[in-house]
Amino acid sequence: MTSETYIDFCFMRAEKGGFAAEIENLLKNTFAKKRLNWFLEEKTIDGAEMVVAEIKGMSDWGSEDETIQFLEAHAEDKFWEYLQGYKMFIYPVKRGCSSCGTH
Protein backbone atom coordinates (compact mmCIF):
# COMPACT_ATOMS: atom_id res chain seq x y z
CA MET A 1 0.00 0.00 0.00
CA THR A 2 1.25 3.46 -0.87
CA SER A 3 0.26 6.47 1.21
CA GLU A 4 0.66 10.21 0.88
CA THR A 5 2.74 11.19 3.89
CA TYR A 6 2.96 14.56 5.64
CA ILE A 7 5.01 14.88 8.83
CA ASP A 8 6.16 17.96 10.74
CA PHE A 9 8.77 17.61 13.48
CA CYS A 10 9.99 20.28 15.90
CA PHE A 11 13.49 19.70 17.29
CA MET A 12 15.19 21.84 19.95
CA ARG A 13 18.46 21.98 21.88
CA ALA A 14 20.74 24.46 23.63
CA GLU A 15 22.52 26.74 21.17
CA LYS A 16 25.74 25.17 19.80
CA GLY A 17 25.52 25.85 16.06
CA GLY A 18 25.10 23.49 13.12
CA PHE A 19 21.77 22.11 14.34
CA ALA A 20 20.10 21.98 10.91
CA ALA A 21 23.00 19.91 9.55
CA GLU A 22 22.68 17.47 12.44
CA ILE A 23 18.92 17.14 11.91
CA GLU A 24 19.54 16.62 8.18
CA ASN A 25 21.80 13.66 9.01
CA LEU A 26 19.31 12.22 11.51
CA LEU A 27 16.53 12.37 8.91
CA LYS A 28 18.75 10.83 6.19
CA ASN A 29 19.60 7.93 8.49
CA THR A 30 16.05 7.43 9.74
CA PHE A 31 14.33 7.62 6.34
CA ALA A 32 17.15 6.16 4.20
CA LYS A 33 14.92 3.76 2.24
CA LYS A 34 11.78 5.90 2.06
CA ARG A 35 10.65 8.16 -0.78
CA LEU A 36 10.35 11.25 1.37
CA ASN A 37 11.64 14.79 0.93
CA TRP A 38 12.02 17.44 3.60
CA PHE A 39 12.57 21.12 4.13
CA LEU A 40 14.30 22.39 7.27
CA GLU A 41 13.78 25.79 8.88
CA GLU A 42 16.25 26.76 11.60
CA LYS A 43 15.74 29.46 14.24
CA THR A 44 17.65 30.61 17.32
CA ILE A 45 15.54 31.76 20.25
CA ASP A 46 16.83 32.85 23.69
CA GLY A 47 19.93 30.64 23.63
CA ALA A 48 18.15 27.65 22.10
CA GLU A 49 18.18 26.30 18.55
CA MET A 50 15.02 25.08 16.91
CA VAL A 51 14.63 23.21 13.64
CA VAL A 52 11.23 22.57 12.09
CA ALA A 53 11.29 19.73 9.57
CA GLU A 54 8.47 19.54 7.01
CA ILE A 55 8.45 16.06 5.44
CA LYS A 56 6.37 15.05 2.43
CA GLY A 57 6.25 12.15 0.02
CA MET A 58 5.01 8.63 -0.50
CA SER A 59 5.47 5.86 2.04
CA ASP A 60 4.34 2.31 2.69
CA TRP A 61 2.78 3.17 6.05
CA GLY A 62 -0.97 2.70 6.29
CA SER A 63 -1.54 4.83 9.39
CA GLU A 64 0.01 7.20 11.87
CA ASP A 65 0.47 4.27 14.29
CA GLU A 66 2.56 2.38 11.71
CA THR A 67 4.67 5.50 11.21
CA ILE A 68 5.32 5.82 14.95
CA GLN A 69 6.26 2.13 15.13
CA PHE A 70 8.75 2.70 12.29
CA LEU A 71 10.25 5.69 14.09
CA GLU A 72 10.55 3.77 17.36
CA ALA A 73 12.46 1.03 15.53
CA HIS A 74 14.70 3.22 13.33
CA ALA A 75 15.27 6.66 14.88
CA GLU A 76 18.51 7.27 16.78
CA ASP A 77 18.63 8.35 20.42
CA LYS A 78 19.54 11.94 19.42
CA PHE A 79 16.32 12.11 17.38
CA TRP A 80 14.29 11.42 20.52
CA GLU A 81 16.44 13.70 22.66
CA TYR A 82 15.84 16.68 20.36
CA LEU A 83 12.20 15.98 19.40
CA GLN A 84 9.79 18.39 21.09
CA GLY A 85 6.66 17.83 19.04
CA TYR A 86 5.25 16.41 15.84
CA LYS A 87 2.20 16.37 13.60
CA MET A 88 1.55 13.74 10.96
CA PHE A 89 -1.05 12.78 8.41
CA ILE A 90 -0.92 9.51 6.48
CA TYR A 91 -3.39 9.20 3.60
CA PRO A 92 -3.55 5.72 2.03
CA VAL A 93 -4.25 5.86 -1.70
CA LYS A 94 -7.62 4.28 -2.42
CA ARG A 95 -8.69 2.74 -5.68
CA GLY A 96 -11.49 4.27 -7.68
CA CYS A 97 -13.45 7.35 -6.83
CA SER A 98 -12.74 9.23 -3.67
CA SER A 99 -16.31 8.97 -2.36
CA CYS A 100 -16.62 5.20 -1.99
CA GLY A 101 -13.19 3.74 -2.90
CA THR A 102 -14.66 0.82 -4.87
CA HIS A 103 -15.39 2.10 -8.41
PDB file of N, CA and C in Angstrom:
ATOM      1  N   MET A   1       0.843  -1.172   0.000  1.00  0.00           N
ATOM      2  CA  MET A   1       0.000   0.000   0.000  1.00  0.00           C
ATOM      3  C   MET A   1       0.894   1.244   0.000  1.00  0.00           C
ATOM      4  N   THR A   2       0.516   2.203  -0.812  1.00  0.00           N
ATOM      5  CA  THR A   2       1.246   3.463  -0.870  1.00  0.00           C
ATOM      6  C   THR A   2       0.376   4.555  -0.261  1.00  0.00           C
ATOM      7  N   SER A   3       1.000   5.409   0.514  1.00  0.00           N
ATOM      8  CA  SER A   3       0.262   6.470   1.207  1.00  0.00           C
ATOM      9  C   SER A   3       0.944   7.811   1.007  1.00  0.00           C
ATOM     10  N   GLU A   4       0.122   8.848   0.848  1.00  0.00           N
ATOM     11  CA  GLU A   4       0.660  10.208   0.882  1.00  0.00           C
ATOM     12  C   GLU A   4       1.025  10.484   2.335  1.00  0.00           C
ATOM     13  N   THR A   5       2.219  11.026   2.545  1.00  0.00           N
ATOM     14  CA  THR A   5       2.741  11.188   3.892  1.00  0.00           C
ATOM     15  C   THR A   5       3.137  12.633   4.134  1.00  0.00           C
ATOM     16  N   TYR A   6       2.634  13.198   5.226  1.00  0.00           N
ATOM     17  CA  TYR A   6       2.962  14.563   5.642  1.00  0.00           C
ATOM     18  C   TYR A   6       3.321  14.520   7.121  1.00  0.00           C
ATOM     19  N   ILE A   7       4.552  14.901   7.442  1.00  0.00           N
ATOM     20  CA  ILE A   7       5.008  14.884   8.828  1.00  0.00           C
ATOM     21  C   ILE A   7       5.722  16.200   9.120  1.00  0.00           C
ATOM     22  N   ASP A   8       5.427  16.793  10.252  1.00  0.00           N
ATOM     23  CA  ASP A   8       6.161  17.960  10.742  1.00  0.00           C
ATOM     24  C   ASP A   8       6.770  17.576  12.083  1.00  0.00           C
ATOM     25  N   PHE A   9       8.072  17.832  12.223  1.00  0.00           N
ATOM     26  CA  PHE A   9       8.770  17.614  13.481  1.00  0.00           C
ATOM     27  C   PHE A   9       9.310  18.943  13.973  1.00  0.00           C
ATOM     28  N   CYS A  10       9.332  19.124  15.280  1.00  0.00           N
ATOM     29  CA  CYS A  10       9.987  20.277  15.900  1.00  0.00           C
ATOM     30  C   CYS A  10      11.085  19.738  16.815  1.00  0.00           C
ATOM     31  N   PHE A  11      12.329  20.123  16.512  1.00  0.00           N
ATOM     32  CA  PHE A  11      13.486  19.702  17.285  1.00  0.00           C
ATOM     33  C   PHE A  11      14.088  20.914  17.982  1.00  0.00           C
ATOM     34  N   MET A  12      14.561  20.737  19.221  1.00  0.00           N
ATOM     35  CA  MET A  12      15.193  21.842  19.954  1.00  0.00           C
ATOM     36  C   MET A  12      16.364  21.323  20.781  1.00  0.00           C
ATOM     37  N   ARG A  13      17.338  22.239  20.992  1.00  0.00           N
ATOM     38  CA  ARG A  13      18.461  21.978  21.880  1.00  0.00           C
ATOM     39  C   ARG A  13      19.083  23.306  22.281  1.00  0.00           C
ATOM     40  N   ALA A  14      19.993  23.268  23.251  1.00  0.00           N
ATOM     41  CA  ALA A  14      20.740  24.464  23.629  1.00  0.00           C
ATOM     42  C   ALA A  14      21.598  24.902  22.444  1.00  0.00           C
ATOM     43  N   GLU A  15      21.810  26.194  22.319  1.00  0.00           N
ATOM     44  CA  GLU A  15      22.524  26.742  21.171  1.00  0.00           C
ATOM     45  C   GLU A  15      23.984  26.292  21.135  1.00  0.00           C
ATOM     46  N   LYS A  16      24.367  25.611  20.037  1.00  0.00           N
ATOM     47  CA  LYS A  16      25.743  25.171  19.797  1.00  0.00           C
ATOM     48  C   LYS A  16      26.186  25.482  18.372  1.00  0.00           C
ATOM     49  N   GLY A  17      25.223  25.645  17.473  1.00  0.00           N
ATOM     50  CA  GLY A  17      25.523  25.854  16.064  1.00  0.00           C
ATOM     51  C   GLY A  17      25.454  24.544  15.289  1.00  0.00           C
ATOM     52  N   GLY A  18      25.133  24.655  13.995  1.00  0.00           N
ATOM     53  CA  GLY A  18      25.095  23.488  13.124  1.00  0.00           C
ATOM     54  C   GLY A  18      23.955  22.525  13.375  1.00  0.00           C
ATOM     55  N   PHE A  19      22.878  23.007  13.973  1.00  0.00           N
ATOM     56  CA  PHE A  19      21.772  22.115  14.335  1.00  0.00           C
ATOM     57  C   PHE A  19      21.037  21.591  13.106  1.00  0.00           C
ATOM     58  N   ALA A  20      20.812  22.426  12.113  1.00  0.00           N
ATOM     59  CA  ALA A  20      20.102  21.981  10.911  1.00  0.00           C
ATOM     60  C   ALA A  20      20.867  20.858  10.217  1.00  0.00           C
ATOM     61  N   ALA A  21      22.195  20.956  10.163  1.00  0.00           N
ATOM     62  CA  ALA A  21      23.004  19.905   9.545  1.00  0.00           C
ATOM     63  C   ALA A  21      22.880  18.589  10.321  1.00  0.00           C
ATOM     64  N   GLU A  22      22.838  18.681  11.636  1.00  0.00           N
ATOM     65  CA  GLU A  22      22.682  17.472  12.441  1.00  0.00           C
ATOM     66  C   GLU A  22      21.311  16.835  12.232  1.00  0.00           C
ATOM     67  N   ILE A  23      20.277  17.653  12.172  1.00  0.00           N
ATOM     68  CA  ILE A  23      18.924  17.137  11.914  1.00  0.00           C
ATOM     69  C   ILE A  23      18.853  16.530  10.516  1.00  0.00           C
ATOM     70  N   GLU A  24      19.479  17.163   9.547  1.00  0.00           N
ATOM     71  CA  GLU A  24      19.536  16.616   8.178  1.00  0.00           C
ATOM     72  C   GLU A  24      20.104  15.196   8.203  1.00  0.00           C
ATOM     73  N   ASN A  25      21.197  14.994   8.918  1.00  0.00           N
ATOM     74  CA  ASN A  25      21.798  13.661   9.007  1.00  0.00           C
ATOM     75  C   ASN A  25      20.898  12.667   9.736  1.00  0.00           C
ATOM     76  N   LEU A  26      20.242  13.103  10.791  1.00  0.00           N
ATOM     77  CA  LEU A  26      19.312  12.221  11.508  1.00  0.00           C
ATOM     78  C   LEU A  26      18.171  11.773  10.590  1.00  0.00           C
ATOM     79  N   LEU A  27      17.630  12.710   9.811  1.00  0.00           N
ATOM     80  CA  LEU A  27      16.527  12.370   8.906  1.00  0.00           C
ATOM     81  C   LEU A  27      17.003  11.448   7.781  1.00  0.00           C
ATOM     82  N   LYS A  28      18.195  11.711   7.242  1.00  0.00           N
ATOM     83  CA  LYS A  28      18.748  10.835   6.194  1.00  0.00           C
ATOM     84  C   LYS A  28      18.902   9.413   6.703  1.00  0.00           C
ATOM     85  N   ASN A  29      19.416   9.264   7.916  1.00  0.00           N
ATOM     86  CA  ASN A  29      19.602   7.929   8.486  1.00  0.00           C
ATOM     87  C   ASN A  29      18.272   7.248   8.805  1.00  0.00           C
ATOM     88  N   THR A  30      17.340   7.999   9.340  1.00  0.00           N
ATOM     89  CA  THR A  30      16.052   7.431   9.739  1.00  0.00           C
ATOM     90  C   THR A  30      15.223   7.014   8.522  1.00  0.00           C
ATOM     91  N   PHE A  31      15.190   7.866   7.505  1.00  0.00           N
ATOM     92  CA  PHE A  31      14.325   7.619   6.341  1.00  0.00           C
ATOM     93  C   PHE A  31      15.120   7.206   5.107  1.00  0.00           C
ATOM     94  N   ALA A  32      16.238   6.500   5.291  1.00  0.00           N
ATOM     95  CA  ALA A  32      17.149   6.160   4.195  1.00  0.00           C
ATOM     96  C   ALA A  32      16.468   5.434   3.038  1.00  0.00           C
ATOM     97  N   LYS A  33      15.533   4.563   3.306  1.00  0.00           N
ATOM     98  CA  LYS A  33      14.917   3.761   2.237  1.00  0.00           C
ATOM     99  C   LYS A  33      13.484   4.179   1.936  1.00  0.00           C
ATOM    100  N   LYS A  34      13.132   5.386   2.311  1.00  0.00           N
ATOM    101  CA  LYS A  34      11.780   5.902   2.063  1.00  0.00           C
ATOM    102  C   LYS A  34      11.831   6.980   0.990  1.00  0.00           C
ATOM    103  N   ARG A  35      10.737   7.130   0.261  1.00  0.00           N
ATOM    104  CA  ARG A  35      10.649   8.158  -0.784  1.00  0.00           C
ATOM    105  C   ARG A  35      10.054   9.433  -0.192  1.00  0.00           C
ATOM    106  N   LEU A  36      10.816  10.050   0.702  1.00  0.00           N
ATOM    107  CA  LEU A  36      10.351  11.253   1.373  1.00  0.00           C
ATOM    108  C   LEU A  36      11.341  12.387   1.137  1.00  0.00           C
ATOM    109  N   ASN A  37      10.816  13.588   1.060  1.00  0.00           N
ATOM    110  CA  ASN A  37      11.636  14.791   0.935  1.00  0.00           C
ATOM    111  C   ASN A  37      11.317  15.695   2.116  1.00  0.00           C
ATOM    112  N   TRP A  38      12.278  16.542   2.480  1.00  0.00           N
ATOM    113  CA  TRP A  38      12.021  17.440   3.596  1.00  0.00           C
ATOM    114  C   TRP A  38      12.660  18.793   3.376  1.00  0.00           C
ATOM    115  N   PHE A  39      12.093  19.746   4.104  1.00  0.00           N
ATOM    116  CA  PHE A  39      12.573  21.119   4.133  1.00  0.00           C
ATOM    117  C   PHE A  39      12.809  21.456   5.602  1.00  0.00           C
ATOM    118  N   LEU A  40      13.965  22.035   5.903  1.00  0.00           N
ATOM    119  CA  LEU A  40      14.298  22.388   7.274  1.00  0.00           C
ATOM    120  C   LEU A  40      14.326  23.898   7.443  1.00  0.00           C
ATOM    121  N   GLU A  41      13.735  24.371   8.522  1.00  0.00           N
ATOM    122  CA  GLU A  41      13.781  25.787   8.878  1.00  0.00           C
ATOM    123  C   GLU A  41      14.413  25.883  10.258  1.00  0.00           C
ATOM    124  N   GLU A  42      15.513  26.640  10.350  1.00  0.00           N
ATOM    125  CA  GLU A  42      16.254  26.756  11.605  1.00  0.00           C
ATOM    126  C   GLU A  42      16.073  28.148  12.202  1.00  0.00           C
ATOM    127  N   LYS A  43      15.888  28.191  13.518  1.00  0.00           N
ATOM    128  CA  LYS A  43      15.742  29.464  14.239  1.00  0.00           C
ATOM    129  C   LYS A  43      16.535  29.377  15.533  1.00  0.00           C
ATOM    130  N   THR A  44      17.009  30.517  16.010  1.00  0.00           N
ATOM    131  CA  THR A  44      17.652  30.606  17.317  1.00  0.00           C
ATOM    132  C   THR A  44      16.805  31.525  18.182  1.00  0.00           C
ATOM    133  N   ILE A  45      16.426  31.025  19.363  1.00  0.00           N
ATOM    134  CA  ILE A  45      15.538  31.765  20.249  1.00  0.00           C
ATOM    135  C   ILE A  45      16.057  31.671  21.677  1.00  0.00           C
ATOM    136  N   ASP A  46      16.433  32.799  22.272  1.00  0.00           N
ATOM    137  CA  ASP A  46      16.833  32.854  23.687  1.00  0.00           C
ATOM    138  C   ASP A  46      17.831  31.762  24.077  1.00  0.00           C
ATOM    139  N   GLY A  47      18.901  31.609  23.296  1.00  0.00           N
ATOM    140  CA  GLY A  47      19.930  30.638  23.627  1.00  0.00           C
ATOM    141  C   GLY A  47      19.602  29.202  23.274  1.00  0.00           C
ATOM    142  N   ALA A  48      18.531  28.990  22.539  1.00  0.00           N
ATOM    143  CA  ALA A  48      18.153  27.648  22.100  1.00  0.00           C
ATOM    144  C   ALA A  48      18.039  27.631  20.581  1.00  0.00           C
ATOM    145  N   GLU A  49      18.344  26.488  19.991  1.00  0.00           N
ATOM    146  CA  GLU A  49      18.181  26.299  18.550  1.00  0.00           C
ATOM    147  C   GLU A  49      16.941  25.455  18.307  1.00  0.00           C
ATOM    148  N   MET A  50      16.209  25.825  17.285  1.00  0.00           N
ATOM    149  CA  MET A  50      15.017  25.081  16.906  1.00  0.00           C
ATOM    150  C   MET A  50      15.071  24.801  15.415  1.00  0.00           C
ATOM    151  N   VAL A  51      14.756  23.574  15.042  1.00  0.00           N
ATOM    152  CA  VAL A  51      14.633  23.205  13.637  1.00  0.00           C
ATOM    153  C   VAL A  51      13.258  22.589  13.452  1.00  0.00           C
ATOM    154  N   VAL A  52      12.510  23.149  12.492  1.00  0.00           N
ATOM    155  CA  VAL A  52      11.229  22.572  12.095  1.00  0.00           C
ATOM    156  C   VAL A  52      11.473  21.837  10.787  1.00  0.00           C
ATOM    157  N   ALA A  53      11.124  20.561  10.757  1.00  0.00           N
ATOM    158  CA  ALA A  53      11.289  19.726   9.567  1.00  0.00           C
ATOM    159  C   ALA A  53       9.918  19.431   8.988  1.00  0.00           C
ATOM    160  N   GLU A  54       9.705  19.837   7.727  1.00  0.00           N
ATOM    161  CA  GLU A  54       8.470  19.536   7.008  1.00  0.00           C
ATOM    162  C   GLU A  54       8.789  18.414   6.033  1.00  0.00           C
ATOM    163  N   ILE A  55       8.160  17.265   6.227  1.00  0.00           N
ATOM    164  CA  ILE A  55       8.450  16.064   5.444  1.00  0.00           C
ATOM    165  C   ILE A  55       7.226  15.698   4.626  1.00  0.00           C
ATOM    166  N   LYS A  56       7.457  15.409   3.331  1.00  0.00           N
ATOM    167  CA  LYS A  56       6.365  15.046   2.428  1.00  0.00           C
ATOM    168  C   LYS A  56       6.844  13.961   1.488  1.00  0.00           C
ATOM    169  N   GLY A  57       5.908  13.167   1.007  1.00  0.00           N
ATOM    170  CA  GLY A  57       6.251  12.154   0.018  1.00  0.00           C
ATOM    171  C   GLY A  57       5.317  10.969   0.093  1.00  0.00           C
ATOM    172  N   MET A  58       5.785   9.862  -0.482  1.00  0.00           N
ATOM    173  CA  MET A  58       5.009   8.632  -0.504  1.00  0.00           C
ATOM    174  C   MET A  58       5.706   7.614   0.404  1.00  0.00           C
ATOM    175  N   SER A  59       4.907   6.872   1.145  1.00  0.00           N
ATOM    176  CA  SER A  59       5.466   5.857   2.043  1.00  0.00           C
ATOM    177  C   SER A  59       4.611   4.601   1.984  1.00  0.00           C
ATOM    178  N   ASP A  60       5.099   3.559   2.635  1.00  0.00           N
ATOM    179  CA  ASP A  60       4.340   2.307   2.689  1.00  0.00           C
ATOM    180  C   ASP A  60       3.589   2.153   4.012  1.00  0.00           C
ATOM    181  N   TRP A  61       3.521   3.221   4.798  1.00  0.00           N
ATOM    182  CA  TRP A  61       2.778   3.167   6.055  1.00  0.00           C
ATOM    183  C   TRP A  61       1.289   3.360   5.780  1.00  0.00           C
ATOM    184  N   GLY A  62       0.471   2.599   6.473  1.00  0.00           N
ATOM    185  CA  GLY A  62      -0.966   2.697   6.286  1.00  0.00           C
ATOM    186  C   GLY A  62      -1.664   3.588   7.298  1.00  0.00           C
ATOM    187  N   SER A  63      -0.929   4.012   8.336  1.00  0.00           N
ATOM    188  CA  SER A  63      -1.543   4.826   9.387  1.00  0.00           C
ATOM    189  C   SER A  63      -0.463   5.566  10.166  1.00  0.00           C
ATOM    190  N   GLU A  64      -0.906   6.475  11.003  1.00  0.00           N
ATOM    191  CA  GLU A  64       0.011   7.198  11.872  1.00  0.00           C
ATOM    192  C   GLU A  64       0.666   6.238  12.871  1.00  0.00           C
ATOM    193  N   ASP A  65      -0.093   5.248  13.353  1.00  0.00           N
ATOM    194  CA  ASP A  65       0.466   4.268  14.293  1.00  0.00           C
ATOM    195  C   ASP A  65       1.619   3.484  13.670  1.00  0.00           C
ATOM    196  N   GLU A  66       1.480   3.088  12.405  1.00  0.00           N
ATOM    197  CA  GLU A  66       2.563   2.379  11.714  1.00  0.00           C
ATOM    198  C   GLU A  66       3.790   3.274  11.575  1.00  0.00           C
ATOM    199  N   THR A  67       3.566   4.553  11.335  1.00  0.00           N
ATOM    200  CA  THR A  67       4.674   5.502  11.212  1.00  0.00           C
ATOM    201  C   THR A  67       5.414   5.623  12.534  1.00  0.00           C
ATOM    202  N   ILE A  68       4.694   5.716  13.625  1.00  0.00           N
ATOM    203  CA  ILE A  68       5.316   5.818  14.946  1.00  0.00           C
ATOM    204  C   ILE A  68       6.093   4.543  15.268  1.00  0.00           C
ATOM    205  N   GLN A  69       5.549   3.379  14.912  1.00  0.00           N
ATOM    206  CA  GLN A  69       6.262   2.129  15.128  1.00  0.00           C
ATOM    207  C   GLN A  69       7.569   2.108  14.337  1.00  0.00           C
ATOM    208  N   PHE A  70       7.537   2.609  13.103  1.00  0.00           N
ATOM    209  CA  PHE A  70       8.749   2.695  12.289  1.00  0.00           C
ATOM    210  C   PHE A  70       9.783   3.588  12.974  1.00  0.00           C
ATOM    211  N   LEU A  71       9.338   4.756  13.436  1.00  0.00           N
ATOM    212  CA  LEU A  71      10.254   5.689  14.094  1.00  0.00           C
ATOM    213  C   LEU A  71      10.856   5.082  15.357  1.00  0.00           C
ATOM    214  N   GLU A  72      10.045   4.393  16.131  1.00  0.00           N
ATOM    215  CA  GLU A  72      10.554   3.768  17.359  1.00  0.00           C
ATOM    216  C   GLU A  72      11.622   2.727  17.052  1.00  0.00           C
ATOM    217  N   ALA A  73      11.503   2.064  15.905  1.00  0.00           N
ATOM    218  CA  ALA A  73      12.464   1.028  15.533  1.00  0.00           C
ATOM    219  C   ALA A  73      13.710   1.584  14.846  1.00  0.00           C
ATOM    220  N   HIS A  74      13.603   2.746  14.173  1.00  0.00           N
ATOM    221  CA  HIS A  74      14.701   3.218  13.330  1.00  0.00           C
ATOM    222  C   HIS A  74      15.367   4.531  13.753  1.00  0.00           C
ATOM    223  N   ALA A  75      14.704   5.352  14.523  1.00  0.00           N
ATOM    224  CA  ALA A  75      15.271   6.660  14.880  1.00  0.00           C
ATOM    225  C   ALA A  75      16.344   6.505  15.955  1.00  0.00           C
ATOM    226  N   GLU A  76      17.402   7.299  15.827  1.00  0.00           N
ATOM    227  CA  GLU A  76      18.513   7.273  16.776  1.00  0.00           C
ATOM    228  C   GLU A  76      18.115   7.965  18.086  1.00  0.00           C
ATOM    229  N   ASP A  77      18.901   7.747  19.111  1.00  0.00           N
ATOM    230  CA  ASP A  77      18.635   8.355  20.422  1.00  0.00           C
ATOM    231  C   ASP A  77      18.604   9.881  20.353  1.00  0.00           C
ATOM    232  N   LYS A  78      19.496  10.477  19.557  1.00  0.00           N
ATOM    233  CA  LYS A  78      19.535  11.937  19.423  1.00  0.00           C
ATOM    234  C   LYS A  78      18.225  12.476  18.853  1.00  0.00           C
ATOM    235  N   PHE A  79      17.608  11.727  17.947  1.00  0.00           N
ATOM    236  CA  PHE A  79      16.315  12.107  17.379  1.00  0.00           C
ATOM    237  C   PHE A  79      15.318  12.327  18.512  1.00  0.00           C
ATOM    238  N   TRP A  80      15.249  11.361  19.417  1.00  0.00           N
ATOM    239  CA  TRP A  80      14.287  11.423  20.522  1.00  0.00           C
ATOM    240  C   TRP A  80      14.674  12.483  21.547  1.00  0.00           C
ATOM    241  N   GLU A  81      15.973  12.679  21.727  1.00  0.00           N
ATOM    242  CA  GLU A  81      16.443  13.699  22.661  1.00  0.00           C
ATOM    243  C   GLU A  81      16.037  15.097  22.202  1.00  0.00           C
ATOM    244  N   TYR A  82      16.128  15.353  20.905  1.00  0.00           N
ATOM    245  CA  TYR A  82      15.838  16.675  20.356  1.00  0.00           C
ATOM    246  C   TYR A  82      14.354  16.899  20.049  1.00  0.00           C
ATOM    247  N   LEU A  83      13.600  15.846  19.826  1.00  0.00           N
ATOM    248  CA  LEU A  83      12.200  15.980  19.398  1.00  0.00           C
ATOM    249  C   LEU A  83      11.359  16.616  20.497  1.00  0.00           C
ATOM    250  N   GLN A  84      10.660  17.697  20.138  1.00  0.00           N
ATOM    251  CA  GLN A  84       9.789  18.389  21.085  1.00  0.00           C
ATOM    252  C   GLN A  84       8.318  18.266  20.712  1.00  0.00           C
ATOM    253  N   GLY A  85       8.044  17.961  19.466  1.00  0.00           N
ATOM    254  CA  GLY A  85       6.662  17.828  19.039  1.00  0.00           C
ATOM    255  C   GLY A  85       6.588  17.363  17.601  1.00  0.00           C
ATOM    256  N   TYR A  86       5.443  16.855  17.213  1.00  0.00           N
ATOM    257  CA  TYR A  86       5.249  16.408  15.838  1.00  0.00           C
ATOM    258  C   TYR A  86       3.775  16.484  15.469  1.00  0.00           C
ATOM    259  N   LYS A  87       3.553  16.451  14.156  1.00  0.00           N
ATOM    260  CA  LYS A  87       2.203  16.371  13.598  1.00  0.00           C
ATOM    261  C   LYS A  87       2.340  15.510  12.357  1.00  0.00           C
ATOM    262  N   MET A  88       1.445  14.565  12.160  1.00  0.00           N
ATOM    263  CA  MET A  88       1.545  13.736  10.961  1.00  0.00           C
ATOM    264  C   MET A  88       0.179  13.347  10.433  1.00  0.00           C
ATOM    265  N   PHE A  89       0.153  13.227   9.112  1.00  0.00           N
ATOM    266  CA  PHE A  89      -1.046  12.783   8.406  1.00  0.00           C
ATOM    267  C   PHE A  89      -0.610  11.759   7.374  1.00  0.00           C
ATOM    268  N   ILE A  90      -1.210  10.577   7.426  1.00  0.00           N
ATOM    269  CA  ILE A  90      -0.924   9.510   6.481  1.00  0.00           C
ATOM    270  C   ILE A  90      -2.222   9.219   5.744  1.00  0.00           C
ATOM    271  N   TYR A  91      -2.194   9.393   4.412  1.00  0.00           N
ATOM    272  CA  TYR A  91      -3.389   9.201   3.597  1.00  0.00           C
ATOM    273  C   TYR A  91      -3.172   8.041   2.630  1.00  0.00           C
ATOM    274  N   PRO A  92      -3.694   6.847   2.961  1.00  0.00           N
ATOM    275  CA  PRO A  92      -3.555   5.719   2.029  1.00  0.00           C
ATOM    276  C   PRO A  92      -4.283   6.021   0.720  1.00  0.00           C
ATOM    277  N   VAL A  93      -3.644   5.655  -0.383  1.00  0.00           N
ATOM    278  CA  VAL A  93      -4.253   5.862  -1.697  1.00  0.00           C
ATOM    279  C   VAL A  93      -5.311   4.788  -1.889  1.00  0.00           C
ATOM    280  N   LYS A  94      -6.522   5.220  -2.216  1.00  0.00           N
ATOM    281  CA  LYS A  94      -7.618   4.282  -2.417  1.00  0.00           C
ATOM    282  C   LYS A  94      -7.870   4.133  -3.905  1.00  0.00           C
ATOM    283  N   ARG A  95      -8.330   2.978  -4.275  1.00  0.00           N
ATOM    284  CA  ARG A  95      -8.694   2.742  -5.678  1.00  0.00           C
ATOM    285  C   ARG A  95     -10.028   3.394  -5.976  1.00  0.00           C
ATOM    286  N   GLY A  96     -10.206   3.764  -7.238  1.00  0.00           N
ATOM    287  CA  GLY A  96     -11.490   4.271  -7.677  1.00  0.00           C
ATOM    288  C   GLY A  96     -11.762   5.689  -7.233  1.00  0.00           C
ATOM    289  N   CYS A  97     -13.043   5.992  -7.175  1.00  0.00           N
ATOM    290  CA  CYS A  97     -13.445   7.350  -6.831  1.00  0.00           C
ATOM    291  C   CYS A  97     -13.162   7.629  -5.353  1.00  0.00           C
ATOM    292  N   SER A  98     -13.072   8.883  -5.042  1.00  0.00           N
ATOM    293  CA  SER A  98     -12.739   9.232  -3.669  1.00  0.00           C
ATOM    294  C   SER A  98     -13.925   9.133  -2.725  1.00  0.00           C
ATOM    295  N   SER A  99     -15.150   9.003  -3.262  1.00  0.00           N
ATOM    296  CA  SER A  99     -16.310   8.973  -2.362  1.00  0.00           C
ATOM    297  C   SER A  99     -16.542   7.584  -1.760  1.00  0.00           C
ATOM    298  N   CYS A 100     -16.337   6.516  -2.556  1.00  0.00           N
ATOM    299  CA  CYS A 100     -16.616   5.195  -1.987  1.00  0.00           C
ATOM    300  C   CYS A 100     -15.387   4.279  -1.989  1.00  0.00           C
ATOM    301  N   GLY A 101     -14.399   4.536  -2.867  1.00  0.00           N
ATOM    302  CA  GLY A 101     -13.188   3.741  -2.904  1.00  0.00           C
ATOM    303  C   GLY A 101     -13.334   2.395  -3.585  1.00  0.00           C
ATOM    304  N   THR A 102     -14.471   2.127  -4.237  1.00  0.00           N
ATOM    305  CA  THR A 102     -14.662   0.816  -4.866  1.00  0.00           C
ATOM    306  C   THR A 102     -14.858   0.872  -6.371  1.00  0.00           C
ATOM    307  N   HIS A 103     -15.137   2.025  -6.952  1.00  0.00           N
ATOM    308  CA  HIS A 103     -15.386   2.099  -8.405  1.00  0.00           C
ATOM    309  C   HIS A 103     -14.216   2.693  -9.143  1.00  0.00           C
TER     310      HIS A 103
END
